[in-house]
C-alpha atoms as a PDB file:
ATOM      1  CA  MET A   1      -6.816  91.645-191.901  1.00  0.00           C
ATOM      2  CA  GLY A   2      -9.845  92.205-194.129  1.00  0.00           C
ATOM      3  CA  ALA A   3     -10.167  93.537-197.634  1.00  0.00           C
ATOM      4  CA  ILE A   4     -12.078  96.247-199.473  1.00  0.00           C
ATOM      5  CA  ILE A   5     -14.278  94.674-202.141  1.00  0.00           C
ATOM      6  CA  LEU A   6     -15.490  96.664-205.127  1.00  0.00           C
ATOM      7  CA  ARG A   7     -19.127  96.106-206.043  1.00  0.00           C
ATOM      8  CA  LEU A   8     -19.209  98.352-209.105  1.00  0.00           C
ATOM      9  CA  ASP A   9     -20.304  95.438-211.307  1.00  0.00           C
ATOM     10  CA  ARG A  10     -23.331  94.795-209.100  1.00  0.00           C
ATOM     11  CA  VAL A  11     -24.392  98.454-209.011  1.00  0.00           C
ATOM     12  CA  MET A  12     -23.950  98.761-212.777  1.00  0.00           C
ATOM     13  CA  ALA A  13     -26.102  95.664-213.312  1.00  0.00           C
ATOM     14  CA  ASP A  14     -28.775  97.017-210.961  1.00  0.00           C
ATOM     15  CA  ARG A  15     -28.810 100.295-212.902  1.00  0.00           C
ATOM     16  CA  LYS A  16     -28.611  98.494-216.269  1.00  0.00           C
ATOM     17  CA  ILE A  17     -25.731 100.661-217.461  1.00  0.00           C
ATOM     18  CA  SER A  18     -22.919  99.503-219.713  1.00  0.00           C
ATOM     19  CA  LEU A  19     -19.243 100.116-219.146  1.00  0.00           C
ATOM     20  CA  LYS A  20     -19.152 102.402-222.183  1.00  0.00           C
ATOM     21  CA  ASP A  21     -22.128 104.467-221.006  1.00  0.00           C
ATOM     22  CA  LEU A  22     -20.662 104.847-217.528  1.00  0.00           C
ATOM     23  CA  SER A  23     -17.297 105.750-219.013  1.00  0.00           C
ATOM     24  CA  ASP A  24     -18.926 108.475-221.112  1.00  0.00           C
ATOM     25  CA  LYS A  25     -20.827 109.890-218.115  1.00  0.00           C
ATOM     26  CA  VAL A  26     -17.890 109.787-215.699  1.00  0.00           C
ATOM     27  CA  GLY A  27     -15.059 110.733-218.039  1.00  0.00           C
ATOM     28  CA  VAL A  28     -12.899 107.756-217.071  1.00  0.00           C
ATOM     29  CA  SER A  29     -11.527 105.370-219.690  1.00  0.00           C
ATOM     30  CA  ASN A  30     -13.149 101.998-220.308  1.00  0.00           C
ATOM     31  CA  VAL A  31      -9.882 100.325-219.311  1.00  0.00           C
ATOM     32  CA  ASN A  32      -9.758 102.016-215.900  1.00  0.00           C
ATOM     33  CA  LEU A  33     -13.449 101.381-215.210  1.00  0.00           C
ATOM     34  CA  SER A  34     -13.000  97.756-216.241  1.00  0.00           C
ATOM     35  CA  LYS A  35     -10.165  97.406-213.717  1.00  0.00           C
ATOM     36  CA  MET A  36     -12.424  98.910-211.062  1.00  0.00           C
ATOM     37  CA  LYS A  37     -15.272  96.624-212.044  1.00  0.00           C
ATOM     38  CA  THR A  38     -13.082  93.541-211.669  1.00  0.00           C
ATOM     39  CA  GLY A  39     -11.419  94.775-208.463  1.00  0.00           C
ATOM     40  CA  LYS A  40      -7.944  95.023-209.984  1.00  0.00           C
ATOM     41  CA  ILE A  41      -7.132  98.433-208.513  1.00  0.00           C
ATOM     42  CA  SER A  42      -5.491  99.422-205.262  1.00  0.00           C
ATOM     43  CA  ALA A  43      -6.709 103.012-205.035  1.00  0.00           C
ATOM     44  CA  ILE A  44      -9.470 105.291-206.266  1.00  0.00           C
ATOM     45  CA  ARG A  45      -9.573 109.065-206.347  1.00  0.00           C
ATOM     46  CA  PHE A  46     -12.395 110.701-204.451  1.00  0.00           C
ATOM     47  CA  SER A  47     -13.223 112.751-207.554  1.00  0.00           C
ATOM     48  CA  THR A  48     -13.672 109.523-209.544  1.00  0.00           C
ATOM     49  CA  LEU A  49     -15.748 107.939-206.790  1.00  0.00           C
ATOM     50  CA  LYS A  50     -17.908 111.063-206.611  1.00  0.00           C
ATOM     51  CA  ALA A  51     -18.451 111.076-210.390  1.00  0.00           C
ATOM     52  CA  ILE A  52     -19.390 107.382-210.372  1.00  0.00           C
ATOM     53  CA  CYS A  53     -21.826 107.906-207.506  1.00  0.00           C
ATOM     54  CA  GLU A  54     -23.413 110.847-209.318  1.00  0.00           C
ATOM     55  CA  ALA A  55     -23.725 108.876-212.575  1.00  0.00           C
ATOM     56  CA  LEU A  56     -25.182 105.801-210.838  1.00  0.00           C
ATOM     57  CA  ASN A  57     -27.231 107.735-208.261  1.00  0.00           C
ATOM     58  CA  CYS A  58     -25.703 105.742-205.412  1.00  0.00           C
ATOM     59  CA  GLN A  59     -23.608 106.103-202.271  1.00  0.00           C
ATOM     60  CA  PRO A  60     -19.910 105.142-201.949  1.00  0.00           C
ATOM     61  CA  GLY A  61     -20.980 102.320-199.630  1.00  0.00           C
ATOM     62  CA  ASP A  62     -22.968 100.805-202.496  1.00  0.00           C
ATOM     63  CA  ILE A  63     -19.726 100.402-204.447  1.00  0.00           C
ATOM     64  CA  LEU A  64     -17.181  99.730-201.675  1.00  0.00           C
ATOM     65  CA  GLU A  65     -17.554  97.011-199.071  1.00  0.00           C
ATOM     66  CA  TYR A  66     -15.244  95.966-196.249  1.00  0.00           C
ATOM     67  CA  ASP A  67     -15.115  92.237-195.532  1.00  0.00           C
ATOM     68  CA  PRO A  68     -13.028  91.346-192.484  1.00  0.00           C
ATOM     69  CA  THR A  69     -13.072  87.639-193.412  1.00  0.00           C
ATOM     70  CA  VAL A  70     -11.344  88.067-196.779  1.00  0.00           C
ATOM     71  CA  PRO A  71      -7.551  88.227-196.571  1.00  0.00           C
ATOM     72  CA  ASP A  72      -6.075  91.347-198.102  1.00  0.00           C
ATOM     73  CA  GLU A  73      -3.725  90.627-201.014  1.00  0.00           C
ATOM     74  CA  GLU A  74      -1.061  92.692-199.243  1.00  0.00           C
ATOM     75  CA  ASP A  75      -1.187  90.515-196.098  1.00  0.00           C
END
């Protein structure tokens, strides 16, 4: 089965925004955003995803990607 890949790092780089600045705009701790940025999370709240999309002026699909060729860690 495939895996969901987080592309938050790529979108942040495209928007030239730091982790601290995004944290301030979204209201999520640096630690939690860092985990998201590195893909070390297993879930995300829709309210957090919405806030990130608003802060980065992007769509959820810009941040989340499904790759059927990558094995899921739970498999």
